[in-house]
Amino acid sequence: MKLNLSVIAVASFFAACPAVSDAATVTFRNGKIAYSEKTPWGDIDIAFANCMANNLYTFSSVSIDGKEVNHTESDNIGPFLIDQKGWSGGNHVNDDRLSAHTRNVKVKVDGKELTGDCTVDGKILTVEVDNILLHPTDDSDLANEHVVYTVSGNSIDVRTSHEFLCAPETIERYYGMQSMFMNEFETLTPGGQFATWTTYPVTSTGNEIQFTKASAPKFSTFIEHSKNGYQAAHMTRDGLGDHHMVRDDDIIFIGNSWSKTYHKIIGMQPVKAGDRFNWHGIYSWFREPVADNCRNAADGLTFEYGAYIDGKPCIFHINSDGSLKVKKFKKSK
């Protein structure tokens, strides 16, 4: 954005981007967002842009201490698979036809909307995105998708809701919260089958790791580890997160599938016009965990990491059964 020295130009600049003296710095330019903040668990940089095959607006890159750890060349927020018909949303296209479009994006810092190119300081970045998902066979409207990303510290809080617009269909599967974490060499699923750190061959298919809903009733979080840091993907039990749309014998977690890791929250469920679903998850990135008792089963199988909720640092403590408790963060003296 070009600034001249006129009073009007300066006034309009600050009206578009209210300055707040605080921890995070947000640059909004040409429709793209760059967010950076120093946290107790690493220096975090997060970018938002149109990306993937459908050119949807979402977080496109995350770095810890200057090293990229999540790159959105495929889905973080997943698509729907309509039974025997194809995919809708995320990175999926049908032949050469797009399966979704972003219709509207609203960007706010500490509740005040940004309407022009600028750089501001603030505690909480909010990005609201409205997408339309298209039916895989005829490109008719399948569902409205509304995603609210609340970014603070080292975390992106994601609240996703859908309103279906279609004639009756069956959703074969919906992963919802997914991971594009890069170059992980081990994965942890507290409360699930992989309760100690598990390594596996890095291939697209054939070496998947997974477990069922019945085997892990309180599973809520998977953690991935690379040489550049960690990523935790915590699915709350709000809405679809309680797995009520997944059968007991169906899987709720799959890893190392096409080099990705997934929470599964719908399996073979009917939908029709007027149906509404939602889910809530929190992605966090950190240099090191606060406490890791998952290297050996004898250690107790608990895990703690730093995260942010609404601009405030806290500790996520995961019990051995997979349930999660939020604890206060106490700064070291």
Protein backbone atom coordinates (compact mmCIF):
# COMPACT_ATOMS: atom_id res chain seq x y z
CA MET A 1 0.00 0.00 0.00
CA LYS A 2 1.33 3.47 -0.95
CA LEU A 3 1.05 6.22 1.62
CA ASN A 4 1.33 9.90 0.82
CA LEU A 5 1.70 12.56 3.44
CA SER A 6 -1.78 14.00 3.23
CA VAL A 7 -3.87 14.04 6.38
CA ILE A 8 -6.66 12.15 4.61
CA ALA A 9 -4.38 9.31 3.52
CA VAL A 10 -2.88 8.91 6.99
CA ALA A 11 -6.30 9.01 8.64
CA SER A 12 -7.75 6.41 6.28
CA PHE A 13 -4.74 4.13 6.83
CA PHE A 14 -5.22 4.04 10.59
CA ALA A 15 -8.99 3.68 10.27
CA ALA A 16 -8.48 0.58 8.14
CA CYS A 17 -5.86 -0.91 10.47
CA PRO A 18 -6.16 0.11 14.12
CA ALA A 19 -2.78 -0.13 15.89
CA VAL A 20 -2.66 -2.03 19.17
CA SER A 21 0.55 -2.36 21.12
CA ASP A 22 0.82 -6.04 21.95
CA ALA A 23 2.60 -9.31 21.19
CA ALA A 24 1.64 -10.36 17.65
CA THR A 25 2.35 -8.54 14.39
CA VAL A 26 -0.10 -8.95 11.50
CA THR A 27 0.61 -7.77 7.95
CA PHE A 28 -2.36 -7.68 5.57
CA ARG A 29 -1.34 -7.02 1.98
CA ASN A 30 -2.85 -7.92 -1.41
CA GLY A 31 -5.35 -10.17 0.33
CA LYS A 32 -2.66 -12.22 2.07
CA ILE A 33 -1.92 -12.35 5.79
CA ALA A 34 1.41 -12.76 7.56
CA TYR A 35 1.20 -13.31 11.32
CA SER A 36 4.20 -13.51 13.65
CA GLU A 37 4.61 -13.80 17.40
CA LYS A 38 7.32 -14.78 19.86
CA THR A 39 5.96 -17.38 22.28
CA PRO A 40 7.45 -19.44 25.12
CA TRP A 41 7.44 -22.40 22.73
CA GLY A 42 9.09 -20.83 19.70
CA ASP A 43 8.86 -17.93 17.28
CA ILE A 44 5.74 -18.54 15.19
CA ASP A 45 5.00 -17.34 11.65
CA ILE A 46 1.67 -18.15 10.01
CA ALA A 47 0.52 -17.20 6.50
CA PHE A 48 -3.03 -17.13 5.09
CA ALA A 49 -3.70 -17.09 1.35
CA ASN A 50 -5.76 -18.66 -1.41
CA CYS A 51 -4.24 -22.08 -2.02
CA MET A 52 -4.79 -25.71 -3.01
CA ALA A 53 -6.46 -26.89 -6.21
CA ASN A 54 -9.70 -25.05 -5.36
CA ASN A 55 -7.88 -21.82 -4.46
CA LEU A 56 -9.61 -21.69 -1.05
CA TYR A 57 -8.60 -19.16 1.58
CA THR A 58 -6.96 -20.81 4.58
CA PHE A 59 -3.66 -20.97 6.46
CA SER A 60 -1.06 -21.78 3.83
CA SER A 61 2.15 -22.02 5.85
CA VAL A 62 3.34 -22.30 9.45
CA SER A 63 6.93 -21.93 10.65
CA ILE A 64 8.69 -22.41 13.98
CA ASP A 65 11.88 -20.40 14.52
CA GLY A 66 12.05 -19.60 10.83
CA LYS A 67 11.64 -23.22 9.62
CA GLU A 68 8.47 -24.20 7.78
CA VAL A 69 6.65 -27.12 9.43
CA ASN A 70 3.19 -27.06 7.81
CA HIS A 71 2.63 -26.32 4.13
CA THR A 72 -0.90 -26.37 2.70
CA GLU A 73 -0.43 -27.95 -0.70
CA SER A 74 -3.24 -30.34 0.30
CA ASP A 75 -5.98 -30.12 2.93
CA ASN A 76 -5.72 -29.10 6.54
CA ILE A 77 -9.49 -28.54 6.60
CA GLY A 78 -10.80 -31.57 4.77
CA PRO A 79 -13.38 -32.31 2.05
CA PHE A 80 -16.48 -34.54 2.01
CA LEU A 81 -16.53 -37.81 0.08
CA ILE A 82 -20.02 -38.40 -1.30
CA ASP A 83 -20.67 -42.13 -1.54
CA GLN A 84 -19.86 -43.46 -5.04
CA LYS A 85 -19.85 -39.93 -6.50
CA GLY A 86 -16.66 -38.12 -5.53
CA TRP A 87 -15.11 -35.42 -3.36
CA SER A 88 -16.22 -31.90 -2.54
CA GLY A 89 -14.03 -29.20 -0.97
CA GLY A 90 -10.45 -28.82 0.21
CA ASN A 91 -7.83 -29.73 -2.36
CA HIS A 92 -10.06 -32.05 -4.38
CA VAL A 93 -11.26 -31.42 -7.92
CA ASN A 94 -13.43 -33.61 -10.14
CA ASP A 95 -11.67 -34.14 -13.45
CA ASP A 96 -10.75 -30.53 -14.29
CA ARG A 97 -13.72 -29.00 -12.41
CA LEU A 98 -13.32 -27.19 -9.11
CA SER A 99 -15.33 -28.63 -6.22
CA ALA A 100 -15.45 -25.47 -4.05
CA HIS A 101 -15.03 -21.71 -4.13
CA THR A 102 -14.26 -19.09 -1.49
CA ARG A 103 -16.99 -16.45 -1.58
CA ASN A 104 -16.03 -14.10 1.22
CA VAL A 105 -13.15 -13.40 3.62
CA LYS A 106 -13.22 -11.09 6.64
CA VAL A 107 -10.06 -10.30 8.60
CA LYS A 108 -10.00 -8.76 12.08
CA VAL A 109 -7.36 -7.95 14.69
CA ASP A 110 -8.71 -7.72 18.24
CA GLY A 111 -12.23 -7.49 16.84
CA LYS A 112 -11.57 -4.59 14.45
CA GLU A 113 -11.85 -5.33 10.75
CA LEU A 114 -8.92 -4.67 8.41
CA THR A 115 -10.09 -3.07 5.18
CA GLY A 116 -6.81 -2.15 3.52
CA ASP A 117 -3.15 -3.07 3.27
CA CYS A 118 -1.36 -2.50 6.57
CA THR A 119 0.75 -3.86 9.42
CA VAL A 120 -0.68 -3.81 12.94
CA ASP A 121 0.00 -5.24 16.38
CA GLY A 122 -2.59 -7.11 18.40
CA LYS A 123 -3.38 -10.16 20.49
CA ILE A 124 -5.91 -12.06 18.37
CA LEU A 125 -6.22 -12.44 14.60
CA THR A 126 -9.62 -13.63 13.38
CA VAL A 127 -10.16 -14.83 9.80
CA GLU A 128 -13.73 -15.69 8.77
CA VAL A 129 -14.11 -17.58 5.49
CA ASP A 130 -17.28 -18.50 3.60
CA ASN A 131 -16.95 -21.26 0.99
CA ILE A 132 -19.48 -22.96 -1.24
CA LEU A 133 -18.96 -26.71 -1.72
CA LEU A 134 -20.13 -28.17 -5.03
CA HIS A 135 -21.69 -31.55 -5.80
CA PRO A 136 -19.09 -33.80 -7.46
CA THR A 137 -21.36 -34.98 -10.27
CA ASP A 138 -23.11 -31.83 -11.53
CA ASP A 139 -21.43 -28.90 -9.69
CA SER A 140 -24.70 -27.88 -8.02
CA ASP A 141 -24.51 -26.38 -4.54
CA LEU A 142 -23.76 -29.09 -1.98
CA ALA A 143 -23.18 -27.10 1.22
CA ASN A 144 -22.26 -23.75 2.67
CA GLU A 145 -19.01 -23.97 4.62
CA HIS A 146 -18.19 -21.33 7.24
CA VAL A 147 -14.75 -21.45 8.88
CA VAL A 148 -13.55 -19.16 11.66
CA TYR A 149 -9.81 -19.20 12.33
CA THR A 150 -8.78 -17.57 15.62
CA VAL A 151 -5.01 -17.16 15.70
CA SER A 152 -3.07 -16.31 18.85
CA GLY A 153 0.41 -17.26 20.02
CA ASN A 154 1.36 -20.65 18.62
CA SER A 155 -2.19 -21.85 17.93
CA ILE A 156 -4.95 -21.70 15.33
CA ASP A 157 -8.39 -22.35 16.79
CA VAL A 158 -10.70 -23.61 14.02
CA ARG A 159 -14.49 -23.60 14.20
CA THR A 160 -16.15 -25.06 11.12
CA SER A 161 -19.85 -25.26 10.33
CA HIS A 162 -21.76 -26.65 7.34
CA GLU A 163 -25.29 -26.18 6.06
CA PHE A 164 -26.27 -28.76 3.45
CA LEU A 165 -28.23 -27.63 0.40
CA CYS A 166 -28.51 -30.89 -1.56
CA ALA A 167 -31.02 -33.65 -2.17
CA PRO A 168 -30.45 -36.70 0.11
CA GLU A 169 -26.92 -38.09 -0.16
CA THR A 170 -24.61 -40.30 1.91
CA ILE A 171 -21.28 -39.02 3.20
CA GLU A 172 -18.90 -41.95 2.95
CA ARG A 173 -16.31 -40.13 5.04
CA TYR A 174 -15.33 -36.73 6.33
CA TYR A 175 -11.99 -36.23 8.01
CA GLY A 176 -12.58 -32.61 8.95
CA MET A 177 -9.41 -31.76 10.87
CA GLN A 178 -6.32 -32.93 8.98
CA SER A 179 -2.60 -32.29 9.04
CA MET A 180 -0.13 -31.12 6.43
CA PHE A 181 2.75 -31.25 8.94
CA MET A 182 6.02 -31.73 7.08
CA ASN A 183 8.63 -34.48 7.39
CA GLU A 184 7.35 -36.01 10.62
CA PHE A 185 9.21 -39.13 11.66
CA GLU A 186 7.04 -40.18 14.62
CA THR A 187 3.46 -39.80 15.78
CA LEU A 188 1.69 -40.00 19.14
CA THR A 189 -2.01 -40.67 19.78
CA PRO A 190 -2.68 -40.48 23.55
CA GLY A 191 -5.59 -42.73 24.49
CA GLY A 192 -5.30 -44.52 21.15
CA GLN A 193 -3.32 -47.46 19.84
CA PHE A 194 -0.12 -45.42 19.45
CA ALA A 195 0.19 -44.27 23.06
CA THR A 196 3.98 -44.23 22.85
CA TRP A 197 5.89 -42.51 20.06
CA THR A 198 5.53 -44.58 16.89
CA THR A 199 7.72 -44.47 13.79
CA TYR A 200 6.73 -45.85 10.39
CA PRO A 201 7.96 -45.93 6.79
CA VAL A 202 7.17 -42.67 5.02
CA THR A 203 5.21 -43.80 1.97
CA SER A 204 1.96 -42.65 0.41
CA THR A 205 -0.04 -45.82 1.03
CA GLY A 206 0.45 -49.28 2.44
CA ASN A 207 1.83 -48.32 5.83
CA GLU A 208 -1.17 -46.53 7.34
CA ILE A 209 -1.68 -46.50 11.10
CA GLN A 210 -5.23 -46.35 12.42
CA PHE A 211 -7.64 -47.38 15.16
CA THR A 212 -11.38 -47.53 15.83
CA LYS A 213 -13.79 -45.45 17.89
CA ALA A 214 -14.54 -48.37 20.24
CA SER A 215 -10.86 -48.88 21.01
CA ALA A 216 -10.22 -45.25 21.99
CA PRO A 217 -13.37 -43.58 23.37
CA LYS A 218 -11.58 -40.52 24.80
CA PHE A 219 -9.00 -40.00 22.05
CA SER A 220 -8.88 -36.31 21.12
CA THR A 221 -5.37 -35.30 20.04
CA PHE A 222 -2.62 -36.50 17.75
CA ILE A 223 0.92 -35.10 17.91
CA GLU A 224 3.54 -35.24 15.16
CA HIS A 225 7.29 -34.71 15.54
CA SER A 226 9.84 -33.60 12.96
CA LYS A 227 13.41 -32.40 13.34
CA ASN A 228 12.06 -28.82 13.26
CA GLY A 229 9.43 -29.16 16.00
CA TYR A 230 6.03 -30.56 16.90
CA GLN A 231 2.42 -30.10 15.83
CA ALA A 232 -0.60 -31.06 17.94
CA ALA A 233 -4.09 -31.33 16.44
CA HIS A 234 -6.67 -31.35 19.23
CA MET A 235 -10.31 -32.07 18.32
CA THR A 236 -12.73 -30.90 21.00
CA ARG A 237 -15.89 -32.89 21.69
CA ASP A 238 -18.10 -30.08 20.38
CA GLY A 239 -20.45 -31.08 17.57
CA LEU A 240 -18.98 -33.81 15.35
CA GLY A 241 -15.96 -34.03 17.64
CA ASP A 242 -17.78 -36.46 19.96
CA HIS A 243 -17.74 -38.96 17.04
CA HIS A 244 -21.50 -39.55 17.17
CA MET A 245 -21.52 -39.83 13.36
CA VAL A 246 -18.90 -42.60 13.33
CA ARG A 247 -19.79 -46.24 14.10
CA ASP A 248 -18.03 -47.98 16.99
CA ASP A 249 -16.20 -50.30 14.59
CA ASP A 250 -15.19 -47.51 12.21
CA ILE A 251 -11.86 -45.68 12.42
CA ILE A 252 -11.53 -42.25 14.04
CA PHE A 253 -7.81 -41.80 13.33
CA ILE A 254 -5.64 -42.57 10.36
CA GLY A 255 -1.99 -41.64 9.87
CA ASN A 256 0.62 -41.97 7.14
CA SER A 257 -2.09 -42.10 4.49
CA TRP A 258 -0.88 -40.21 1.41
CA SER A 259 1.71 -38.75 3.83
CA LYS A 260 -1.08 -37.16 5.92
CA THR A 261 -2.77 -37.62 9.30
CA TYR A 262 -6.50 -37.27 9.97
CA HIS A 263 -9.28 -37.03 12.56
CA LYS A 264 -12.29 -38.86 11.07
CA ILE A 265 -15.65 -37.48 12.23
CA ILE A 266 -18.24 -38.82 9.73
CA GLY A 267 -18.55 -42.31 8.28
CA MET A 268 -21.42 -43.50 6.02
CA GLN A 269 -24.03 -41.03 7.22
CA PRO A 270 -27.05 -39.62 5.31
CA VAL A 271 -27.43 -35.87 4.76
CA LYS A 272 -30.08 -33.69 3.14
CA ALA A 273 -30.92 -30.04 2.60
CA GLY A 274 -31.23 -28.22 5.91
CA ASP A 275 -28.86 -30.47 7.88
CA ARG A 276 -26.23 -28.53 9.85
CA PHE A 277 -22.96 -29.84 11.32
CA ASN A 278 -20.08 -28.22 13.15
CA TRP A 279 -16.74 -29.10 14.73
CA HIS A 280 -14.04 -27.33 16.74
CA GLY A 281 -10.31 -28.04 16.77
CA ILE A 282 -7.07 -26.38 17.87
CA TYR A 283 -3.77 -26.69 16.01
CA SER A 284 -0.63 -25.83 18.02
CA TRP A 285 3.04 -25.78 17.08
CA PHE A 286 5.95 -25.90 19.53
CA ARG A 287 9.69 -26.33 19.63
CA GLU A 288 9.55 -28.82 22.52
CA PRO A 289 6.76 -30.24 24.71
CA VAL A 290 6.35 -29.09 28.29
CA ALA A 291 6.41 -32.71 29.51
CA ASP A 292 6.70 -35.94 27.52
CA ASN A 293 6.00 -39.17 29.41
CA CYS A 294 5.24 -41.16 26.27
CA ARG A 295 8.63 -42.60 25.35
CA ASN A 296 7.97 -45.70 27.43
CA ALA A 297 4.71 -47.16 28.74
CA ALA A 298 6.20 -47.29 32.23
CA ASP A 299 6.55 -43.49 32.26
CA GLY A 300 2.79 -42.95 32.71
CA LEU A 301 1.74 -41.97 29.15
CA THR A 302 0.89 -38.33 29.84
CA PHE A 303 1.87 -35.43 27.61
CA GLU A 304 1.88 -31.64 28.03
CA TYR A 305 2.39 -28.88 25.50
CA GLY A 306 1.96 -25.13 25.30
CA ALA A 307 -0.99 -23.64 23.43
CA TYR A 308 -2.98 -20.41 23.30
CA ILE A 309 -6.69 -19.85 23.87
CA ASP A 310 -8.11 -16.40 23.06
CA GLY A 311 -4.72 -14.75 23.26
CA LYS A 312 -3.66 -16.34 26.54
CA PRO A 313 -0.92 -19.00 26.91
CA CYS A 314 -1.90 -22.20 28.68
CA ILE A 315 -0.82 -25.81 29.08
CA PHE A 316 -2.70 -28.67 27.44
CA HIS A 317 -2.31 -31.77 29.65
CA ILE A 318 -3.32 -35.03 27.96
CA ASN A 319 -4.09 -37.95 30.25
CA SER A 320 -3.22 -41.55 29.46
CA ASP A 321 -6.82 -42.23 28.32
CA GLY A 322 -6.63 -39.40 25.79
CA SER A 323 -8.77 -36.87 27.66
CA LEU A 324 -7.40 -33.34 27.82
CA LYS A 325 -7.28 -30.78 30.63
CA VAL A 326 -6.31 -27.13 30.23
CA LYS A 327 -3.95 -25.78 32.90
CA LYS A 328 -2.75 -22.28 33.67
CA PHE A 329 0.63 -21.28 32.26
CA LYS A 330 3.08 -19.94 34.81
CA LYS A 331 5.99 -17.92 33.49
CA SER A 332 9.36 -19.00 34.79
CA LYS A 333 11.16 -16.40 36.89
